[in-house]
């Protein structure tokens, strides 16, 4: 718990710790009609799922070749 002092008043404040999900696949787009691009910034617990979703999205757009930026 934290207290905030403003002028002559003190206000108690509760802070709750939480987790922040940080995406590991930051970019995925079509470079041209057949080439897709995926940028992986870091590896984490959900990188595989994020990467798989990006590949599926690009394949739906006609990707037959892929550039992976690690």
PDB file of N, CA and C in Angstrom:
ATOM      1  N   UNK A   1       0.830  -1.191   0.000  1.00  0.00           N
ATOM      2  CA  UNK A   1       0.000   0.000   0.000  1.00  0.00           C
ATOM      3  C   UNK A   1       0.871   1.249   0.000  1.00  0.00           C
ATOM      4  N   UNK A   2       0.333   2.296  -0.573  1.00  0.00           N
ATOM      5  CA  UNK A   2       1.051   3.555  -0.713  1.00  0.00           C
ATOM      6  C   UNK A   2       0.140   4.668  -0.224  1.00  0.00           C
ATOM      7  N   UNK A   3       0.737   5.694   0.303  1.00  0.00           N
ATOM      8  CA  UNK A   3      -0.028   6.878   0.690  1.00  0.00           C
ATOM      9  C   UNK A   3       0.437   8.054  -0.152  1.00  0.00           C
ATOM     10  N   UNK A   4      -0.513   8.863  -0.571  1.00  0.00           N
ATOM     11  CA  UNK A   4      -0.210  10.053  -1.357  1.00  0.00           C
ATOM     12  C   UNK A   4      -0.556  11.265  -0.508  1.00  0.00           C
ATOM     13  N   UNK A   5       0.372  12.194  -0.452  1.00  0.00           N
ATOM     14  CA  UNK A   5       0.136  13.402   0.323  1.00  0.00           C
ATOM     15  C   UNK A   5      -0.085  14.569  -0.624  1.00  0.00           C
ATOM     16  N   UNK A   6      -1.239  15.231  -0.475  1.00  0.00           N
ATOM     17  CA  UNK A   6      -1.561  16.426  -1.248  1.00  0.00           C
ATOM     18  C   UNK A   6      -1.925  17.522  -0.258  1.00  0.00           C
ATOM     19  N   UNK A   7      -1.151  18.545  -0.316  1.00  0.00           N
ATOM     20  CA  UNK A   7      -1.281  19.651   0.636  1.00  0.00           C
ATOM     21  C   UNK A   7      -1.215  19.089   2.048  1.00  0.00           C
ATOM     22  N   UNK A   8      -2.302  19.156   2.790  1.00  0.00           N
ATOM     23  CA  UNK A   8      -2.291  18.656   4.169  1.00  0.00           C
ATOM     24  C   UNK A   8      -3.054  17.350   4.326  1.00  0.00           C
ATOM     25  N   UNK A   9      -3.450  16.742   3.219  1.00  0.00           N
ATOM     26  CA  UNK A   9      -4.235  15.510   3.290  1.00  0.00           C
ATOM     27  C   UNK A   9      -3.412  14.316   2.809  1.00  0.00           C
ATOM     28  N   UNK A  10      -3.659  13.180   3.432  1.00  0.00           N
ATOM     29  CA  UNK A  10      -2.998  11.931   3.049  1.00  0.00           C
ATOM     30  C   UNK A  10      -4.069  10.970   2.538  1.00  0.00           C
ATOM     31  N   UNK A  11      -3.830  10.413   1.347  1.00  0.00           N
ATOM     32  CA  UNK A  11      -4.777   9.491   0.731  1.00  0.00           C
ATOM     33  C   UNK A  11      -4.124   8.117   0.604  1.00  0.00           C
ATOM     34  N   UNK A  12      -4.722   7.096   1.217  1.00  0.00           N
ATOM     35  CA  UNK A  12      -4.176   5.745   1.044  1.00  0.00           C
ATOM     36  C   UNK A  12      -4.516   5.229  -0.363  1.00  0.00           C
ATOM     37  N   UNK A  13      -3.597   4.481  -0.932  1.00  0.00           N
ATOM     38  CA  UNK A  13      -3.788   3.950  -2.273  1.00  0.00           C
ATOM     39  C   UNK A  13      -3.287   2.517  -2.307  1.00  0.00           C
ATOM     40  N   UNK A  14      -4.109   1.626  -2.813  1.00  0.00           N
ATOM     41  CA  UNK A  14      -3.702   0.229  -2.962  1.00  0.00           C
ATOM     42  C   UNK A  14      -3.183   0.010  -4.373  1.00  0.00           C
ATOM     43  N   UNK A  15      -2.083  -0.681  -4.479  1.00  0.00           N
ATOM     44  CA  UNK A  15      -1.499  -1.004  -5.775  1.00  0.00           C
ATOM     45  C   UNK A  15      -1.502  -2.517  -5.916  1.00  0.00           C
ATOM     46  N   UNK A  16      -2.010  -2.976  -7.042  1.00  0.00           N
ATOM     47  CA  UNK A  16      -2.054  -4.409  -7.298  1.00  0.00           C
ATOM     48  C   UNK A  16      -1.073  -4.742  -8.410  1.00  0.00           C
ATOM     49  N   UNK A  17      -0.216  -5.687  -8.144  1.00  0.00           N
ATOM     50  CA  UNK A  17       0.765  -6.110  -9.135  1.00  0.00           C
ATOM     51  C   UNK A  17       0.085  -7.038 -10.138  1.00  0.00           C
ATOM     52  N   UNK A  18       0.397  -6.843 -11.389  1.00  0.00           N
ATOM     53  CA  UNK A  18      -0.171  -7.685 -12.434  1.00  0.00           C
ATOM     54  C   UNK A  18       0.875  -7.997 -13.481  1.00  0.00           C
ATOM     55  N   UNK A  19       0.513  -8.843 -14.393  1.00  0.00           N
ATOM     56  CA  UNK A  19       1.445  -9.166 -15.467  1.00  0.00           C
ATOM     57  C   UNK A  19       1.021  -8.422 -16.729  1.00  0.00           C
ATOM     58  N   UNK A  20       1.998  -8.044 -17.498  1.00  0.00           N
ATOM     59  CA  UNK A  20       1.756  -7.340 -18.754  1.00  0.00           C
ATOM     60  C   UNK A  20       2.231  -8.238 -19.885  1.00  0.00           C
ATOM     61  N   UNK A  21       1.322  -8.561 -20.774  1.00  0.00           N
ATOM     62  CA  UNK A  21       1.678  -9.406 -21.917  1.00  0.00           C
ATOM     63  C   UNK A  21       2.412  -8.556 -22.953  1.00  0.00           C
ATOM     64  N   UNK A  22       3.606  -8.973 -23.290  1.00  0.00           N
ATOM     65  CA  UNK A  22       4.405  -8.271 -24.290  1.00  0.00           C
ATOM     66  C   UNK A  22       4.458  -9.121 -25.549  1.00  0.00           C
ATOM     67  N   UNK A  23       3.941  -8.614 -26.653  1.00  0.00           N
ATOM     68  CA  UNK A  23       3.984  -9.400 -27.884  1.00  0.00           C
ATOM     69  C   UNK A  23       5.429  -9.679 -28.304  1.00  0.00           C
ATOM     70  N   UNK A  24       5.676 -10.882 -28.783  1.00  0.00           N
ATOM     71  CA  UNK A  24       7.019 -11.236 -29.237  1.00  0.00           C
ATOM     72  C   UNK A  24       7.141 -11.146 -30.753  1.00  0.00           C
ATOM     73  N   UNK A  25       6.020 -11.250 -31.452  1.00  0.00           N
ATOM     74  CA  UNK A  25       5.989 -11.059 -32.907  1.00  0.00           C
ATOM     75  C   UNK A  25       5.433  -9.662 -33.135  1.00  0.00           C
ATOM     76  N   UNK A  26       6.319  -8.734 -33.509  1.00  0.00           N
ATOM     77  CA  UNK A  26       5.898  -7.339 -33.580  1.00  0.00           C
ATOM     78  C   UNK A  26       5.348  -6.923 -34.940  1.00  0.00           C
ATOM     79  N   UNK A  27       5.794  -7.571 -36.008  1.00  0.00           N
ATOM     80  CA  UNK A  27       5.344  -7.205 -37.351  1.00  0.00           C
ATOM     81  C   UNK A  27       5.067  -8.442 -38.182  1.00  0.00           C
ATOM     82  N   UNK A  28       4.045  -8.355 -38.997  1.00  0.00           N
ATOM     83  CA  UNK A  28       3.820  -9.370 -40.029  1.00  0.00           C
ATOM     84  C   UNK A  28       3.025  -8.698 -41.142  1.00  0.00           C
ATOM     85  N   UNK A  29       3.573  -8.767 -42.354  1.00  0.00           N
ATOM     86  CA  UNK A  29       2.903  -8.146 -43.490  1.00  0.00           C
ATOM     87  C   UNK A  29       3.409  -8.767 -44.786  1.00  0.00           C
ATOM     88  N   UNK A  30       2.700  -8.484 -45.858  1.00  0.00           N
ATOM     89  CA  UNK A  30       3.093  -8.961 -47.177  1.00  0.00           C
ATOM     90  C   UNK A  30       4.035  -7.940 -47.805  1.00  0.00           C
ATOM     91  N   UNK A  31       5.211  -8.399 -48.222  1.00  0.00           N
ATOM     92  CA  UNK A  31       6.184  -7.539 -48.892  1.00  0.00           C
ATOM     93  C   UNK A  31       5.730  -7.288 -50.327  1.00  0.00           C
ATOM     94  N   UNK A  32       5.281  -8.351 -50.976  1.00  0.00           N
ATOM     95  CA  UNK A  32       4.679  -8.251 -52.303  1.00  0.00           C
ATOM     96  C   UNK A  32       3.612  -9.336 -52.401  1.00  0.00           C
ATOM     97  N   UNK A  33       3.205  -9.693 -53.594  1.00  0.00           N
ATOM     98  CA  UNK A  33       2.081 -10.626 -53.758  1.00  0.00           C
ATOM     99  C   UNK A  33       2.344 -12.025 -53.210  1.00  0.00           C
ATOM    100  N   UNK A  34       3.624 -12.422 -53.082  1.00  0.00           N
ATOM    101  CA  UNK A  34       3.902 -13.789 -52.635  1.00  0.00           C
ATOM    102  C   UNK A  34       4.843 -13.887 -51.433  1.00  0.00           C
ATOM    103  N   UNK A  35       5.465 -12.783 -51.045  1.00  0.00           N
ATOM    104  CA  UNK A  35       6.465 -12.812 -49.966  1.00  0.00           C
ATOM    105  C   UNK A  35       5.906 -12.178 -48.700  1.00  0.00           C
ATOM    106  N   UNK A  36       5.936 -12.953 -47.627  1.00  0.00           N
ATOM    107  CA  UNK A  36       5.519 -12.447 -46.327  1.00  0.00           C
ATOM    108  C   UNK A  36       6.728 -12.118 -45.469  1.00  0.00           C
ATOM    109  N   UNK A  37       6.518 -11.278 -44.475  1.00  0.00           N
ATOM    110  CA  UNK A  37       7.588 -10.851 -43.573  1.00  0.00           C
ATOM    111  C   UNK A  37       7.072 -10.951 -42.147  1.00  0.00           C
ATOM    112  N   UNK A  38       7.844 -11.600 -41.273  1.00  0.00           N
ATOM    113  CA  UNK A  38       7.497 -11.689 -39.853  1.00  0.00           C
ATOM    114  C   UNK A  38       8.715 -11.275 -39.042  1.00  0.00           C
ATOM    115  N   UNK A  39       8.518 -10.345 -38.118  1.00  0.00           N
ATOM    116  CA  UNK A  39       9.594  -9.907 -37.231  1.00  0.00           C
ATOM    117  C   UNK A  39       9.331 -10.438 -35.826  1.00  0.00           C
ATOM    118  N   UNK A  40      10.307 -11.171 -35.296  1.00  0.00           N
ATOM    119  CA  UNK A  40      10.236 -11.699 -33.932  1.00  0.00           C
ATOM    120  C   UNK A  40      11.220 -10.894 -33.090  1.00  0.00           C
ATOM    121  N   UNK A  41      10.707 -10.149 -32.112  1.00  0.00           N
ATOM    122  CA  UNK A  41      11.563  -9.297 -31.282  1.00  0.00           C
ATOM    123  C   UNK A  41      12.264 -10.056 -30.168  1.00  0.00           C
ATOM    124  N   UNK A  42      11.576 -11.036 -29.607  1.00  0.00           N
ATOM    125  CA  UNK A  42      12.144 -11.842 -28.529  1.00  0.00           C
ATOM    126  C   UNK A  42      11.368 -13.145 -28.464  1.00  0.00           C
ATOM    127  N   UNK A  43      11.881 -14.084 -27.712  1.00  0.00           N
ATOM    128  CA  UNK A  43      11.210 -15.363 -27.568  1.00  0.00           C
ATOM    129  C   UNK A  43      10.608 -15.455 -26.178  1.00  0.00           C
ATOM    130  N   UNK A  44       9.381 -15.952 -26.131  1.00  0.00           N
ATOM    131  CA  UNK A  44       8.684 -16.083 -24.861  1.00  0.00           C
ATOM    132  C   UNK A  44       7.750 -17.272 -24.892  1.00  0.00           C
ATOM    133  N   UNK A  45       6.929 -17.355 -23.872  1.00  0.00           N
ATOM    134  CA  UNK A  45       6.028 -18.494 -23.711  1.00  0.00           C
ATOM    135  C   UNK A  45       5.006 -18.608 -24.849  1.00  0.00           C
ATOM    136  N   UNK A  46       4.648 -17.492 -25.476  1.00  0.00           N
ATOM    137  CA  UNK A  46       3.588 -17.512 -26.488  1.00  0.00           C
ATOM    138  C   UNK A  46       4.095 -17.214 -27.898  1.00  0.00           C
ATOM    139  N   UNK A  47       5.403 -17.234 -28.088  1.00  0.00           N
ATOM    140  CA  UNK A  47       5.962 -16.928 -29.410  1.00  0.00           C
ATOM    141  C   UNK A  47       5.444 -17.888 -30.471  1.00  0.00           C
ATOM    142  N   UNK A  48       5.375 -19.162 -30.142  1.00  0.00           N
ATOM    143  CA  UNK A  48       4.905 -20.153 -31.118  1.00  0.00           C
ATOM    144  C   UNK A  48       3.492 -19.832 -31.592  1.00  0.00           C
ATOM    145  N   UNK A  49       2.604 -19.512 -30.662  1.00  0.00           N
ATOM    146  CA  UNK A  49       1.223 -19.196 -31.034  1.00  0.00           C
ATOM    147  C   UNK A  49       1.151 -17.921 -31.867  1.00  0.00           C
ATOM    148  N   UNK A  50       1.898 -16.895 -31.467  1.00  0.00           N
ATOM    149  CA  UNK A  50       1.894 -15.635 -32.212  1.00  0.00           C
ATOM    150  C   UNK A  50       2.451 -15.836 -33.621  1.00  0.00           C
ATOM    151  N   UNK A  51       3.529 -16.604 -33.720  1.00  0.00           N
ATOM    152  CA  UNK A  51       4.155 -16.876 -35.013  1.00  0.00           C
ATOM    153  C   UNK A  51       3.199 -17.664 -35.908  1.00  0.00           C
ATOM    154  N   UNK A  52       2.546 -18.661 -35.337  1.00  0.00           N
ATOM    155  CA  UNK A  52       1.595 -19.478 -36.107  1.00  0.00           C
ATOM    156  C   UNK A  52       0.434 -18.638 -36.625  1.00  0.00           C
ATOM    157  N   UNK A  53      -0.088 -17.746 -35.789  1.00  0.00           N
ATOM    158  CA  UNK A  53      -1.186 -16.866 -36.225  1.00  0.00           C
ATOM    159  C   UNK A  53      -0.727 -15.950 -37.357  1.00  0.00           C
ATOM    160  N   UNK A  54       0.496 -15.434 -37.237  1.00  0.00           N
ATOM    161  CA  UNK A  54       1.023 -14.552 -38.284  1.00  0.00           C
ATOM    162  C   UNK A  54       1.176 -15.310 -39.600  1.00  0.00           C
ATOM    163  N   UNK A  55       1.673 -16.537 -39.539  1.00  0.00           N
ATOM    164  CA  UNK A  55       1.824 -17.346 -40.759  1.00  0.00           C
ATOM    165  C   UNK A  55       0.464 -17.617 -41.394  1.00  0.00           C
ATOM    166  N   UNK A  56      -0.515 -17.993 -40.590  1.00  0.00           N
ATOM    167  CA  UNK A  56      -1.862 -18.256 -41.123  1.00  0.00           C
ATOM    168  C   UNK A  56      -2.422 -17.024 -41.819  1.00  0.00           C
ATOM    169  N   UNK A  57      -2.270 -15.870 -41.182  1.00  0.00           N
ATOM    170  CA  UNK A  57      -2.775 -14.618 -41.756  1.00  0.00           C
ATOM    171  C   UNK A  57      -2.104 -14.332 -43.101  1.00  0.00           C
ATOM    172  N   UNK A  58      -0.795 -14.523 -43.159  1.00  0.00           N
ATOM    173  CA  UNK A  58      -0.066 -14.257 -44.400  1.00  0.00           C
ATOM    174  C   UNK A  58      -0.414 -15.276 -45.485  1.00  0.00           C
ATOM    175  N   UNK A  59      -0.600 -16.530 -45.107  1.00  0.00           N
ATOM    176  CA  UNK A  59      -0.980 -17.547 -46.090  1.00  0.00           C
ATOM    177  C   UNK A  59      -2.346 -17.233 -46.692  1.00  0.00           C
ATOM    178  N   UNK A  60      -3.243 -16.703 -45.893  1.00  0.00           N
ATOM    179  CA  UNK A  60      -4.563 -16.314 -46.404  1.00  0.00           C
ATOM    180  C   UNK A  60      -4.452 -15.173 -47.412  1.00  0.00           C
ATOM    181  N   UNK A  61      -3.358 -14.421 -47.324  1.00  0.00           N
ATOM    182  CA  UNK A  61      -3.134 -13.311 -48.253  1.00  0.00           C
ATOM    183  C   UNK A  61      -2.307 -13.736 -49.466  1.00  0.00           C
ATOM    184  N   UNK A  62      -1.975 -15.028 -49.566  1.00  0.00           N
ATOM    185  CA  UNK A  62      -1.273 -15.536 -50.738  1.00  0.00           C
ATOM    186  C   UNK A  62       0.214 -15.759 -50.560  1.00  0.00           C
ATOM    187  N   UNK A  63       0.708 -15.767 -49.334  1.00  0.00           N
ATOM    188  CA  UNK A  63       2.133 -15.955 -49.104  1.00  0.00           C
ATOM    189  C   UNK A  63       2.583 -17.352 -49.519  1.00  0.00           C
ATOM    190  N   UNK A  64       3.656 -17.404 -50.298  1.00  0.00           N
ATOM    191  CA  UNK A  64       4.291 -18.679 -50.643  1.00  0.00           C
ATOM    192  C   UNK A  64       5.758 -18.688 -50.224  1.00  0.00           C
ATOM    193  N   UNK A  65       6.295 -17.512 -49.904  1.00  0.00           N
ATOM    194  CA  UNK A  65       7.673 -17.367 -49.423  1.00  0.00           C
ATOM    195  C   UNK A  65       7.637 -16.505 -48.171  1.00  0.00           C
ATOM    196  N   UNK A  66       8.623 -16.714 -47.284  1.00  0.00           N
ATOM    197  CA  UNK A  66       8.595 -16.010 -46.008  1.00  0.00           C
ATOM    198  C   UNK A  66       9.977 -15.510 -45.616  1.00  0.00           C
ATOM    199  N   UNK A  67      10.033 -14.264 -45.172  1.00  0.00           N
ATOM    200  CA  UNK A  67      11.234 -13.689 -44.569  1.00  0.00           C
ATOM    201  C   UNK A  67      10.976 -13.638 -43.069  1.00  0.00           C
ATOM    202  N   UNK A  68      11.874 -14.243 -42.290  1.00  0.00           N
ATOM    203  CA  UNK A  68      11.761 -14.212 -40.831  1.00  0.00           C
ATOM    204  C   UNK A  68      12.905 -13.367 -40.297  1.00  0.00           C
ATOM    205  N   UNK A  69      12.563 -12.287 -39.636  1.00  0.00           N
ATOM    206  CA  UNK A  69      13.545 -11.369 -39.060  1.00  0.00           C
ATOM    207  C   UNK A  69      13.640 -11.645 -37.568  1.00  0.00           C
ATOM    208  N   UNK A  70      14.775 -12.201 -37.147  1.00  0.00           N
ATOM    209  CA  UNK A  70      14.992 -12.504 -35.736  1.00  0.00           C
ATOM    210  C   UNK A  70      15.851 -11.430 -35.111  1.00  0.00           C
TER     211      UNK A  70
END
